[in-house]
């Protein structure tokens, strides 16, 4: 009975030894048409990102310049508000008191 098992195991191992490369090549050629478009899309996405980097950097620089302009405008508005407040306050102090009617 042991010889029967040895022959069965060796026969199974021989079949597996032959079938592994056969299955591997079959899967390679069967999966290749499915995988190639996916890999191509990933490569294209990476290339488009690298081409977009200078454009994004330029847009970032423009946004930074806009932000600097807004900050300057806010500073001018604050200074203008202070000036107006001081002007109104000074005009109220310079005004003579009104005589009360009564």
Foldseek 3Di string as FASTA:
>chain_A
DVVVVVVVVVVVVVVVVVVVVVVVVVCCVVCVVVVVVVVVVVVVVVVVVVVCVVVVVVVVVVVVVVVVVVVVVVVVVVVVVVVVVVVVVVVVVPDDDDDDDD
